[in-house]
Amino acid sequence: MSTYNINKGIGRTVEFKGLKAQYLFIFAGGLLGILILVMILYMIGVNSYICLFLGAGGTLLIVWQTFSLNKKYGEHGLMKISANKRHPHYIICRKRVHRYFKFKTKSNYT
């Protein structure tokens, strides 16, 4: 029986067969989603060959995309990309300039 090392030390990220961090969760979630989709299609009554083709094709697509994303972006790449998408390209200031230099006056209600 073979054993697989999932974590190689304290403080390091989870790694399994080269997949690191969030890619491992994307991989597992994608495979689980494909499995549930195939089971639902089979219970509905779709032809078993179509279910088999969709399951195999979806699995190959998930495996290929996950490993290519892992190779292209690295361990924290997806978080950097999502942060960059939320970062504004430029800042628009629609207030007039004199509002910034307006001083508050004390009221005479004493």
PDB file of N, CA and C in Angstrom:
ATOM      1  N   MET A   1       0.848  -1.169   0.000  1.00  0.00           N
ATOM      2  CA  MET A   1       0.000   0.000   0.000  1.00  0.00           C
ATOM      3  C   MET A   1       0.895   1.235   0.000  1.00  0.00           C
ATOM      4  N   SER A   2       0.614   2.166  -0.880  1.00  0.00           N
ATOM      5  CA  SER A   2       1.449   3.358  -0.984  1.00  0.00           C
ATOM      6  C   SER A   2       0.926   4.449  -0.061  1.00  0.00           C
ATOM      7  N   THR A   3       1.850   5.281   0.392  1.00  0.00           N
ATOM      8  CA  THR A   3       1.483   6.404   1.242  1.00  0.00           C
ATOM      9  C   THR A   3       1.838   7.685   0.524  1.00  0.00           C
ATOM     10  N   TYR A   4       1.059   8.726   0.778  1.00  0.00           N
ATOM     11  CA  TYR A   4       1.270  10.025   0.156  1.00  0.00           C
ATOM     12  C   TYR A   4       1.520  11.068   1.233  1.00  0.00           C
ATOM     13  N   ASN A   5       2.555  11.844   1.047  1.00  0.00           N
ATOM     14  CA  ASN A   5       2.813  12.950   1.954  1.00  0.00           C
ATOM     15  C   ASN A   5       2.011  14.148   1.504  1.00  0.00           C
ATOM     16  N   ILE A   6       1.168  14.650   2.377  1.00  0.00           N
ATOM     17  CA  ILE A   6       0.344  15.796   2.025  1.00  0.00           C
ATOM     18  C   ILE A   6       1.013  17.090   2.463  1.00  0.00           C
ATOM     19  N   ASN A   7       1.548  17.144   3.679  1.00  0.00           N
ATOM     20  CA  ASN A   7       2.189  18.348   4.176  1.00  0.00           C
ATOM     21  C   ASN A   7       3.637  18.014   4.520  1.00  0.00           C
ATOM     22  N   LYS A   8       4.562  18.854   4.097  1.00  0.00           N
ATOM     23  CA  LYS A   8       5.977  18.546   4.278  1.00  0.00           C
ATOM     24  C   LYS A   8       6.609  19.288   5.441  1.00  0.00           C
ATOM     25  N   GLY A   9       5.852  19.986   6.246  1.00  0.00           N
ATOM     26  CA  GLY A   9       6.439  20.658   7.389  1.00  0.00           C
ATOM     27  C   GLY A   9       5.498  21.673   8.005  1.00  0.00           C
ATOM     28  N   ILE A  10       5.881  22.129   9.163  1.00  0.00           N
ATOM     29  CA  ILE A  10       5.079  23.112   9.877  1.00  0.00           C
ATOM     30  C   ILE A  10       5.286  24.478   9.245  1.00  0.00           C
ATOM     31  N   GLY A  11       4.214  25.194   9.001  1.00  0.00           N
ATOM     32  CA  GLY A  11       4.295  26.532   8.444  1.00  0.00           C
ATOM     33  C   GLY A  11       4.335  26.565   6.928  1.00  0.00           C
ATOM     34  N   ARG A  12       4.414  25.438   6.278  1.00  0.00           N
ATOM     35  CA  ARG A  12       4.410  25.411   4.823  1.00  0.00           C
ATOM     36  C   ARG A  12       2.999  25.136   4.327  1.00  0.00           C
ATOM     37  N   THR A  13       2.750  25.488   3.084  1.00  0.00           N
ATOM     38  CA  THR A  13       1.408  25.301   2.540  1.00  0.00           C
ATOM     39  C   THR A  13       1.156  23.840   2.214  1.00  0.00           C
ATOM     40  N   VAL A  14      -0.117  23.509   2.115  1.00  0.00           N
ATOM     41  CA  VAL A  14      -0.516  22.156   1.763  1.00  0.00           C
ATOM     42  C   VAL A  14      -0.145  21.907   0.311  1.00  0.00           C
ATOM     43  N   GLU A  15       0.453  20.755   0.048  1.00  0.00           N
ATOM     44  CA  GLU A  15       0.847  20.405  -1.319  1.00  0.00           C
ATOM     45  C   GLU A  15       0.547  18.938  -1.546  1.00  0.00           C
ATOM     46  N   PHE A  16      -0.029  18.626  -2.684  1.00  0.00           N
ATOM     47  CA  PHE A  16      -0.323  17.239  -3.042  1.00  0.00           C
ATOM     48  C   PHE A  16      -0.075  17.062  -4.529  1.00  0.00           C
ATOM     49  N   LYS A  17       0.896  16.269  -4.854  1.00  0.00           N
ATOM     50  CA  LYS A  17       1.267  15.960  -6.244  1.00  0.00           C
ATOM     51  C   LYS A  17       1.546  17.219  -7.063  1.00  0.00           C
ATOM     52  N   GLY A  18       2.135  18.233  -6.440  1.00  0.00           N
ATOM     53  CA  GLY A  18       2.490  19.455  -7.147  1.00  0.00           C
ATOM     54  C   GLY A  18       1.460  20.563  -7.044  1.00  0.00           C
ATOM     55  N   LEU A  19       0.231  20.237  -6.674  1.00  0.00           N
ATOM     56  CA  LEU A  19      -0.794  21.272  -6.500  1.00  0.00           C
ATOM     57  C   LEU A  19      -0.611  21.919  -5.137  1.00  0.00           C
ATOM     58  N   LYS A  20      -0.610  23.241  -5.124  1.00  0.00           N
ATOM     59  CA  LYS A  20      -0.385  23.965  -3.880  1.00  0.00           C
ATOM     60  C   LYS A  20      -1.599  24.814  -3.529  1.00  0.00           C
ATOM     61  N   ALA A  21      -1.814  24.951  -2.235  1.00  0.00           N
ATOM     62  CA  ALA A  21      -2.752  25.881  -1.620  1.00  0.00           C
ATOM     63  C   ALA A  21      -4.139  25.834  -2.251  1.00  0.00           C
ATOM     64  N   GLN A  22      -4.585  26.961  -2.818  1.00  0.00           N
ATOM     65  CA  GLN A  22      -5.964  27.067  -3.295  1.00  0.00           C
ATOM     66  C   GLN A  22      -6.224  26.208  -4.520  1.00  0.00           C
ATOM     67  N   TYR A  23      -5.202  25.849  -5.275  1.00  0.00           N
ATOM     68  CA  TYR A  23      -5.404  25.004  -6.454  1.00  0.00           C
ATOM     69  C   TYR A  23      -5.866  23.603  -6.052  1.00  0.00           C
ATOM     70  N   LEU A  24      -5.419  23.152  -4.903  1.00  0.00           N
ATOM     71  CA  LEU A  24      -5.844  21.846  -4.407  1.00  0.00           C
ATOM     72  C   LEU A  24      -7.341  21.854  -4.102  1.00  0.00           C
ATOM     73  N   PHE A  25      -7.828  22.947  -3.538  1.00  0.00           N
ATOM     74  CA  PHE A  25      -9.260  23.057  -3.230  1.00  0.00           C
ATOM     75  C   PHE A  25     -10.084  23.221  -4.514  1.00  0.00           C
ATOM     76  N   ILE A  26      -9.562  23.950  -5.481  1.00  0.00           N
ATOM     77  CA  ILE A  26     -10.245  24.084  -6.772  1.00  0.00           C
ATOM     78  C   ILE A  26     -10.335  22.732  -7.458  1.00  0.00           C
ATOM     79  N   PHE A  27      -9.261  21.978  -7.398  1.00  0.00           N
ATOM     80  CA  PHE A  27      -9.195  20.650  -8.011  1.00  0.00           C
ATOM     81  C   PHE A  27     -10.223  19.711  -7.365  1.00  0.00           C
ATOM     82  N   ALA A  28     -10.225  19.654  -6.032  1.00  0.00           N
ATOM     83  CA  ALA A  28     -11.153  18.762  -5.336  1.00  0.00           C
ATOM     84  C   ALA A  28     -12.603  19.192  -5.546  1.00  0.00           C
ATOM     85  N   GLY A  29     -12.865  20.499  -5.483  1.00  0.00           N
ATOM     86  CA  GLY A  29     -14.224  20.989  -5.696  1.00  0.00           C
ATOM     87  C   GLY A  29     -14.713  20.743  -7.112  1.00  0.00           C
ATOM     88  N   GLY A  30     -13.827  20.903  -8.090  1.00  0.00           N
ATOM     89  CA  GLY A  30     -14.199  20.646  -9.483  1.00  0.00           C
ATOM     90  C   GLY A  30     -14.527  19.190  -9.729  1.00  0.00           C
ATOM     91  N   LEU A  31     -13.701  18.298  -9.174  1.00  0.00           N
ATOM     92  CA  LEU A  31     -13.976  16.864  -9.343  1.00  0.00           C
ATOM     93  C   LEU A  31     -15.264  16.457  -8.651  1.00  0.00           C
ATOM     94  N   LEU A  32     -15.518  17.029  -7.474  1.00  0.00           N
ATOM     95  CA  LEU A  32     -16.758  16.731  -6.771  1.00  0.00           C
ATOM     96  C   LEU A  32     -17.965  17.256  -7.549  1.00  0.00           C
ATOM     97  N   GLY A  33     -17.832  18.442  -8.125  1.00  0.00           N
ATOM     98  CA  GLY A  33     -18.917  19.003  -8.936  1.00  0.00           C
ATOM     99  C   GLY A  33     -19.214  18.162 -10.172  1.00  0.00           C
ATOM    100  N   ILE A  34     -18.163  17.686 -10.844  1.00  0.00           N
ATOM    101  CA  ILE A  34     -18.353  16.823 -12.023  1.00  0.00           C
ATOM    102  C   ILE A  34     -19.032  15.519 -11.620  1.00  0.00           C
ATOM    103  N   LEU A  35     -18.622  14.945 -10.489  1.00  0.00           N
ATOM    104  CA  LEU A  35     -19.233  13.696 -10.018  1.00  0.00           C
ATOM    105  C   LEU A  35     -20.718  13.886  -9.732  1.00  0.00           C
ATOM    106  N   ILE A  36     -21.070  14.971  -9.061  1.00  0.00           N
ATOM    107  CA  ILE A  36     -22.479  15.228  -8.739  1.00  0.00           C
ATOM    108  C   ILE A  36     -23.280  15.479 -10.017  1.00  0.00           C
ATOM    109  N   LEU A  37     -22.696  16.217 -10.973  1.00  0.00           N
ATOM    110  CA  LEU A  37     -23.373  16.468 -12.246  1.00  0.00           C
ATOM    111  C   LEU A  37     -23.656  15.171 -12.995  1.00  0.00           C
ATOM    112  N   VAL A  38     -22.679  14.288 -13.061  1.00  0.00           N
ATOM    113  CA  VAL A  38     -22.867  13.007 -13.756  1.00  0.00           C
ATOM    114  C   VAL A  38     -23.913  12.159 -13.046  1.00  0.00           C
ATOM    115  N   MET A  39     -23.896  12.151 -11.715  1.00  0.00           N
ATOM    116  CA  MET A  39     -24.896  11.362 -10.982  1.00  0.00           C
ATOM    117  C   MET A  39     -26.310  11.897 -11.220  1.00  0.00           C
ATOM    118  N   ILE A  40     -26.448  13.221 -11.237  1.00  0.00           N
ATOM    119  CA  ILE A  40     -27.773  13.820 -11.483  1.00  0.00           C
ATOM    120  C   ILE A  40     -28.244  13.504 -12.902  1.00  0.00           C
ATOM    121  N   LEU A  41     -27.346  13.638 -13.887  1.00  0.00           N
ATOM    122  CA  LEU A  41     -27.732  13.328 -15.271  1.00  0.00           C
ATOM    123  C   LEU A  41     -28.115  11.863 -15.431  1.00  0.00           C
ATOM    124  N   TYR A  42     -27.391  10.971 -14.745  1.00  0.00           N
ATOM    125  CA  TYR A  42     -27.702   9.550 -14.837  1.00  0.00           C
ATOM    126  C   TYR A  42     -29.054   9.236 -14.197  1.00  0.00           C
ATOM    127  N   MET A  43     -29.353   9.891 -13.071  1.00  0.00           N
ATOM    128  CA  MET A  43     -30.642   9.637 -12.410  1.00  0.00           C
ATOM    129  C   MET A  43     -31.811  10.228 -13.197  1.00  0.00           C
ATOM    130  N   ILE A  44     -31.557  11.314 -13.938  1.00  0.00           N
ATOM    131  CA  ILE A  44     -32.611  11.894 -14.769  1.00  0.00           C
ATOM    132  C   ILE A  44     -32.967  10.946 -15.907  1.00  0.00           C
ATOM    133  N   GLY A  45     -31.983  10.212 -16.390  1.00  0.00           N
ATOM    134  CA  GLY A  45     -32.250   9.262 -17.454  1.00  0.00           C
ATOM    135  C   GLY A  45     -31.495   9.545 -18.735  1.00  0.00           C
ATOM    136  N   VAL A  46     -30.463  10.374 -18.655  1.00  0.00           N
ATOM    137  CA  VAL A  46     -29.638  10.650 -19.825  1.00  0.00           C
ATOM    138  C   VAL A  46     -28.854   9.389 -20.160  1.00  0.00           C
ATOM    139  N   ASN A  47     -28.582   9.188 -21.426  1.00  0.00           N
ATOM    140  CA  ASN A  47     -27.848   8.013 -21.887  1.00  0.00           C
ATOM    141  C   ASN A  47     -26.531   7.875 -21.119  1.00  0.00           C
ATOM    142  N   SER A  48     -26.200   6.645 -20.746  1.00  0.00           N
ATOM    143  CA  SER A  48     -25.012   6.417 -19.914  1.00  0.00           C
ATOM    144  C   SER A  48     -23.722   6.760 -20.650  1.00  0.00           C
ATOM    145  N   TYR A  49     -23.695   6.628 -21.971  1.00  0.00           N
ATOM    146  CA  TYR A  49     -22.494   6.996 -22.731  1.00  0.00           C
ATOM    147  C   TYR A  49     -22.278   8.517 -22.727  1.00  0.00           C
ATOM    148  N   ILE A  50     -23.365   9.253 -22.764  1.00  0.00           N
ATOM    149  CA  ILE A  50     -23.255  10.717 -22.681  1.00  0.00           C
ATOM    150  C   ILE A  50     -22.759  11.124 -21.295  1.00  0.00           C
ATOM    151  N   CYS A  51     -23.285  10.455 -20.262  1.00  0.00           N
ATOM    152  CA  CYS A  51     -22.813  10.734 -18.897  1.00  0.00           C
ATOM    153  C   CYS A  51     -21.334  10.403 -18.751  1.00  0.00           C
ATOM    154  N   LEU A  52     -20.933   9.279 -19.322  1.00  0.00           N
ATOM    155  CA  LEU A  52     -19.531   8.876 -19.259  1.00  0.00           C
ATOM    156  C   LEU A  52     -18.643   9.861 -20.013  1.00  0.00           C
ATOM    157  N   PHE A  53     -19.084  10.305 -21.181  1.00  0.00           N
ATOM    158  CA  PHE A  53     -18.315  11.269 -21.958  1.00  0.00           C
ATOM    159  C   PHE A  53     -18.199  12.614 -21.239  1.00  0.00           C
ATOM    160  N   LEU A  54     -19.325  13.105 -20.676  1.00  0.00           N
ATOM    161  CA  LEU A  54     -19.289  14.368 -19.942  1.00  0.00           C
ATOM    162  C   LEU A  54     -18.427  14.271 -18.684  1.00  0.00           C
ATOM    163  N   GLY A  55     -18.500  13.145 -18.003  1.00  0.00           N
ATOM    164  CA  GLY A  55     -17.685  12.956 -16.800  1.00  0.00           C
ATOM    165  C   GLY A  55     -16.197  12.917 -17.115  1.00  0.00           C
ATOM    166  N   ALA A  56     -15.830  12.152 -18.125  1.00  0.00           N
ATOM    167  CA  ALA A  56     -14.410  12.051 -18.499  1.00  0.00           C
ATOM    168  C   ALA A  56     -13.895  13.367 -19.064  1.00  0.00           C
ATOM    169  N   GLY A  57     -14.689  14.005 -19.914  1.00  0.00           N
ATOM    170  CA  GLY A  57     -14.268  15.288 -20.492  1.00  0.00           C
ATOM    171  C   GLY A  57     -14.149  16.383 -19.445  1.00  0.00           C
ATOM    172  N   GLY A  58     -15.120  16.446 -18.549  1.00  0.00           N
ATOM    173  CA  GLY A  58     -15.070  17.448 -17.481  1.00  0.00           C
ATOM    174  C   GLY A  58     -13.909  17.213 -16.533  1.00  0.00           C
ATOM    175  N   THR A  59     -13.652  15.958 -16.220  1.00  0.00           N
ATOM    176  CA  THR A  59     -12.529  15.633 -15.341  1.00  0.00           C
ATOM    177  C   THR A  59     -11.205  16.005 -15.983  1.00  0.00           C
ATOM    178  N   LEU A  60     -11.041  15.658 -17.252  1.00  0.00           N
ATOM    179  CA  LEU A  60      -9.800  16.024 -17.947  1.00  0.00           C
ATOM    180  C   LEU A  60      -9.628  17.537 -18.022  1.00  0.00           C
ATOM    181  N   LEU A  61     -10.715  18.259 -18.250  1.00  0.00           N
ATOM    182  CA  LEU A  61     -10.650  19.722 -18.302  1.00  0.00           C
ATOM    183  C   LEU A  61     -10.264  20.313 -16.944  1.00  0.00           C
ATOM    184  N   ILE A  62     -10.851  19.812 -15.871  1.00  0.00           N
ATOM    185  CA  ILE A  62     -10.529  20.300 -14.525  1.00  0.00           C
ATOM    186  C   ILE A  62      -9.066  20.020 -14.190  1.00  0.00           C
ATOM    187  N   VAL A  63      -8.601  18.814 -14.475  1.00  0.00           N
ATOM    188  CA  VAL A  63      -7.209  18.453 -14.175  1.00  0.00           C
ATOM    189  C   VAL A  63      -6.261  19.326 -14.977  1.00  0.00           C
ATOM    190  N   TRP A  64      -6.515  19.474 -16.260  1.00  0.00           N
ATOM    191  CA  TRP A  64      -5.623  20.251 -17.131  1.00  0.00           C
ATOM    192  C   TRP A  64      -5.589  21.715 -16.710  1.00  0.00           C
ATOM    193  N   GLN A  65      -6.756  22.320 -16.483  1.00  0.00           N
ATOM    194  CA  GLN A  65      -6.819  23.735 -16.113  1.00  0.00           C
ATOM    195  C   GLN A  65      -6.180  23.997 -14.754  1.00  0.00           C
ATOM    196  N   THR A  66      -6.416  23.114 -13.798  1.00  0.00           N
ATOM    197  CA  THR A  66      -5.871  23.326 -12.462  1.00  0.00           C
ATOM    198  C   THR A  66      -4.351  23.256 -12.472  1.00  0.00           C
ATOM    199  N   PHE A  67      -3.790  22.263 -13.142  1.00  0.00           N
ATOM    200  CA  PHE A  67      -2.341  22.140 -13.183  1.00  0.00           C
ATOM    201  C   PHE A  67      -1.713  23.264 -14.004  1.00  0.00           C
ATOM    202  N   SER A  68      -2.388  23.722 -15.051  1.00  0.00           N
ATOM    203  CA  SER A  68      -1.821  24.826 -15.833  1.00  0.00           C
ATOM    204  C   SER A  68      -1.876  26.137 -15.044  1.00  0.00           C
ATOM    205  N   LEU A  69      -2.952  26.377 -14.279  1.00  0.00           N
ATOM    206  CA  LEU A  69      -3.008  27.561 -13.419  1.00  0.00           C
ATOM    207  C   LEU A  69      -1.942  27.513 -12.338  1.00  0.00           C
ATOM    208  N   ASN A  70      -1.725  26.327 -11.762  1.00  0.00           N
ATOM    209  CA  ASN A  70      -0.709  26.160 -10.740  1.00  0.00           C
ATOM    210  C   ASN A  70       0.679  26.452 -11.306  1.00  0.00           C
ATOM    211  N   LYS A  71       0.930  26.000 -12.508  1.00  0.00           N
ATOM    212  CA  LYS A  71       2.237  26.221 -13.127  1.00  0.00           C
ATOM    213  C   LYS A  71       2.417  27.684 -13.535  1.00  0.00           C
ATOM    214  N   LYS A  72       1.358  28.314 -14.029  1.00  0.00           N
ATOM    215  CA  LYS A  72       1.461  29.672 -14.547  1.00  0.00           C
ATOM    216  C   LYS A  72       1.559  30.716 -13.441  1.00  0.00           C
ATOM    217  N   TYR A  73       0.699  30.628 -12.413  1.00  0.00           N
ATOM    218  CA  TYR A  73       0.591  31.684 -11.421  1.00  0.00           C
ATOM    219  C   TYR A  73       1.282  31.384 -10.099  1.00  0.00           C
ATOM    220  N   GLY A  74       1.567  30.148  -9.802  1.00  0.00           N
ATOM    221  CA  GLY A  74       2.255  29.830  -8.559  1.00  0.00           C
ATOM    222  C   GLY A  74       1.321  29.762  -7.363  1.00  0.00           C
ATOM    223  N   GLU A  75       1.955  29.765  -6.205  1.00  0.00           N
ATOM    224  CA  GLU A  75       1.221  29.499  -4.974  1.00  0.00           C
ATOM    225  C   GLU A  75       0.200  30.574  -4.626  1.00  0.00           C
ATOM    226  N   HIS A  76       0.569  31.836  -4.714  1.00  0.00           N
ATOM    227  CA  HIS A  76      -0.338  32.925  -4.327  1.00  0.00           C
ATOM    228  C   HIS A  76      -0.829  33.726  -5.528  1.00  0.00           C
ATOM    229  N   GLY A  77      -0.694  33.189  -6.726  1.00  0.00           N
ATOM    230  CA  GLY A  77      -1.017  33.940  -7.929  1.00  0.00           C
ATOM    231  C   GLY A  77      -2.473  34.309  -8.088  1.00  0.00           C
ATOM    232  N   LEU A  78      -3.385  33.407  -7.754  1.00  0.00           N
ATOM    233  CA  LEU A  78      -4.804  33.698  -7.921  1.00  0.00           C
ATOM    234  C   LEU A  78      -5.261  34.790  -6.962  1.00  0.00           C
ATOM    235  N   MET A  79      -4.695  34.820  -5.764  1.00  0.00           N
ATOM    236  CA  MET A  79      -5.045  35.887  -4.819  1.00  0.00           C
ATOM    237  C   MET A  79      -4.527  37.234  -5.319  1.00  0.00           C
ATOM    238  N   LYS A  80      -3.337  37.242  -5.923  1.00  0.00           N
ATOM    239  CA  LYS A  80      -2.786  38.487  -6.459  1.00  0.00           C
ATOM    240  C   LYS A  80      -3.621  38.994  -7.628  1.00  0.00           C
ATOM    241  N   ILE A  81      -4.076  38.089  -8.479  1.00  0.00           N
ATOM    242  CA  ILE A  81      -4.898  38.480  -9.630  1.00  0.00           C
ATOM    243  C   ILE A  81      -6.241  39.034  -9.168  1.00  0.00           C
ATOM    244  N   SER A  82      -6.871  38.375  -8.188  1.00  0.00           N
ATOM    245  CA  SER A  82      -8.161  38.866  -7.706  1.00  0.00           C
ATOM    246  C   SER A  82      -8.006  40.208  -6.994  1.00  0.00           C
ATOM    247  N   ALA A  83      -6.903  40.417  -6.283  1.00  0.00           N
ATOM    248  CA  ALA A  83      -6.665  41.712  -5.638  1.00  0.00           C
ATOM    249  C   ALA A  83      -6.418  42.790  -6.678  1.00  0.00           C
ATOM    250  N   ASN A  84      -5.728  42.451  -7.745  1.00  0.00           N
ATOM    251  CA  ASN A  84      -5.453  43.419  -8.805  1.00  0.00           C
ATOM    252  C   ASN A  84      -6.727  43.815  -9.537  1.00  0.00           C
ATOM    253  N   LYS A  85      -7.669  42.902  -9.677  1.00  0.00           N
ATOM    254  CA  LYS A  85      -8.935  43.222 -10.338  1.00  0.00           C
ATOM    255  C   LYS A  85      -9.783  44.171  -9.489  1.00  0.00           C
ATOM    256  N   ARG A  86      -9.685  44.067  -8.155  1.00  0.00           N
ATOM    257  CA  ARG A  86     -10.448  44.944  -7.274  1.00  0.00           C
ATOM    258  C   ARG A  86      -9.780  46.286  -7.062  1.00  0.00           C
ATOM    259  N   HIS A  87      -8.533  46.417  -7.441  1.00  0.00           N
ATOM    260  CA  HIS A  87      -7.794  47.665  -7.270  1.00  0.00           C
ATOM    261  C   HIS A  87      -8.213  48.642  -8.362  1.00  0.00           C
ATOM    262  N   PRO A  88      -8.561  49.890  -8.007  1.00  0.00           N
ATOM    263  CA  PRO A  88      -9.012  50.834  -9.037  1.00  0.00           C
ATOM    264  C   PRO A  88      -7.868  51.256  -9.952  1.00  0.00           C
ATOM    265  N   HIS A  89      -8.183  51.461 -11.229  1.00  0.00           N
ATOM    266  CA  HIS A  89      -7.166  51.886 -12.190  1.00  0.00           C
ATOM    267  C   HIS A  89      -6.799  53.344 -11.979  1.00  0.00           C
ATOM    268  N   TYR A  90      -7.774  54.151 -11.598  1.00  0.00           N
ATOM    269  CA  TYR A  90      -7.522  55.555 -11.302  1.00  0.00           C
ATOM    270  C   TYR A  90      -8.572  56.019 -10.298  1.00  0.00           C
ATOM    271  N   ILE A  91      -8.277  57.119  -9.642  1.00  0.00           N
ATOM    272  CA  ILE A  91      -9.169  57.649  -8.616  1.00  0.00           C
ATOM    273  C   ILE A  91      -9.833  58.908  -9.143  1.00  0.00           C
ATOM    274  N   ILE A  92     -11.140  58.963  -9.031  1.00  0.00           N
ATOM    275  CA  ILE A  92     -11.904  60.125  -9.479  1.00  0.00           C
ATOM    276  C   ILE A  92     -12.326  60.916  -8.261  1.00  0.00           C
ATOM    277  N   CYS A  93     -12.060  62.186  -8.281  1.00  0.00           N
ATOM    278  CA  CYS A  93     -12.476  63.075  -7.201  1.00  0.00           C
ATOM    279  C   CYS A  93     -13.497  64.048  -7.780  1.00  0.00           C
ATOM    280  N   ARG A  94     -14.731  63.928  -7.393  1.00  0.00           N
ATOM    281  CA  ARG A  94     -15.791  64.756  -7.952  1.00  0.00           C
ATOM    282  C   ARG A  94     -16.158  65.940  -7.062  1.00  0.00           C
ATOM    283  N   LYS A  95     -15.494  66.102  -5.946  1.00  0.00           N
ATOM    284  CA  LYS A  95     -15.774  67.242  -5.075  1.00  0.00           C
ATOM    285  C   LYS A  95     -14.951  68.440  -5.527  1.00  0.00           C
ATOM    286  N   ARG A  96     -15.469  69.595  -5.250  1.00  0.00           N
ATOM    287  CA  ARG A  96     -14.744  70.815  -5.613  1.00  0.00           C
ATOM    288  C   ARG A  96     -13.599  71.043  -4.637  1.00  0.00           C
ATOM    289  N   VAL A  97     -12.597  71.722  -5.091  1.00  0.00           N
ATOM    290  CA  VAL A  97     -11.399  71.915  -4.300  1.00  0.00           C
ATOM    291  C   VAL A  97     -11.654  72.795  -3.087  1.00  0.00           C
ATOM    292  N   HIS A  98     -12.488  73.824  -3.211  1.00  0.00           N
ATOM    293  CA  HIS A  98     -12.697  74.743  -2.103  1.00  0.00           C
ATOM    294  C   HIS A  98     -13.359  74.072  -0.909  1.00  0.00           C
ATOM    295  N   ARG A  99     -14.009  72.928  -1.083  1.00  0.00           N
ATOM    296  CA  ARG A  99     -14.604  72.224   0.041  1.00  0.00           C
ATOM    297  C   ARG A  99     -13.552  71.686   0.991  1.00  0.00           C
ATOM    298  N   TYR A 100     -12.381  71.391   0.469  1.00  0.00           N
ATOM    299  CA  TYR A 100     -11.330  70.854   1.314  1.00  0.00           C
ATOM    300  C   TYR A 100     -10.719  71.926   2.209  1.00  0.00           C
ATOM    301  N   PHE A 101     -10.809  73.187   1.807  1.00  0.00           N
ATOM    302  CA  PHE A 101     -10.207  74.268   2.562  1.00  0.00           C
ATOM    303  C   PHE A 101     -11.222  75.046   3.390  1.00  0.00           C
ATOM    304  N   LYS A 102     -12.407  74.549   3.502  1.00  0.00           N
ATOM    305  CA  LYS A 102     -13.467  75.217   4.258  1.00  0.00           C
ATOM    306  C   LYS A 102     -13.226  74.957   5.747  1.00  0.00           C
ATOM    307  N   PHE A 103     -13.200  76.027   6.519  1.00  0.00           N
ATOM    308  CA  PHE A 103     -12.961  75.909   7.946  1.00  0.00           C
ATOM    309  C   PHE A 103     -14.290  75.999   8.680  1.00  0.00           C
ATOM    310  N   LYS A 104     -14.396  75.268   9.754  1.00  0.00           N
ATOM    311  CA  LYS A 104     -15.609  75.308  10.549  1.00  0.00           C
ATOM    312  C   LYS A 104     -15.560  76.539  11.441  1.00  0.00           C
ATOM    313  N   THR A 105     -16.683  77.220  11.548  1.00  0.00           N
ATOM    314  CA  THR A 105     -16.772  78.402  12.397  1.00  0.00           C
ATOM    315  C   THR A 105     -17.510  78.038  13.670  1.00  0.00           C
ATOM    316  N   LYS A 106     -17.149  78.684  14.739  1.00  0.00           N
ATOM    317  CA  LYS A 106     -17.825  78.426  16.013  1.00  0.00           C
ATOM    318  C   LYS A 106     -19.182  79.112  16.002  1.00  0.00           C
ATOM    319  N   SER A 107     -20.124  78.451  16.574  1.00  0.00           N
ATOM    320  CA  SER A 107     -21.453  79.050  16.617  1.00  0.00           C
ATOM    321  C   SER A 107     -21.527  80.050  17.763  1.00  0.00           C
ATOM    322  N   ASN A 108     -22.413  81.010  17.633  1.00  0.00           N
ATOM    323  CA  ASN A 108     -22.548  82.069  18.626  1.00  0.00           C
ATOM    324  C   ASN A 108     -23.682  81.797  19.600  1.00  0.00           C
ATOM    325  N   TYR A 109     -23.963  80.548  19.894  1.00  0.00           N
ATOM    326  CA  TYR A 109     -25.056  80.190  20.794  1.00  0.00           C
ATOM    327  C   TYR A 109     -24.531  79.976  22.217  1.00  0.00           C
ATOM    328  N   THR A 110     -24.001  80.941  22.842  1.00  0.00           N
ATOM    329  CA  THR A 110     -23.505  80.777  24.213  1.00  0.00           C
ATOM    330  C   THR A 110     -24.353  81.478  25.218  1.00  0.00           C
TER     331      THR A 110
END
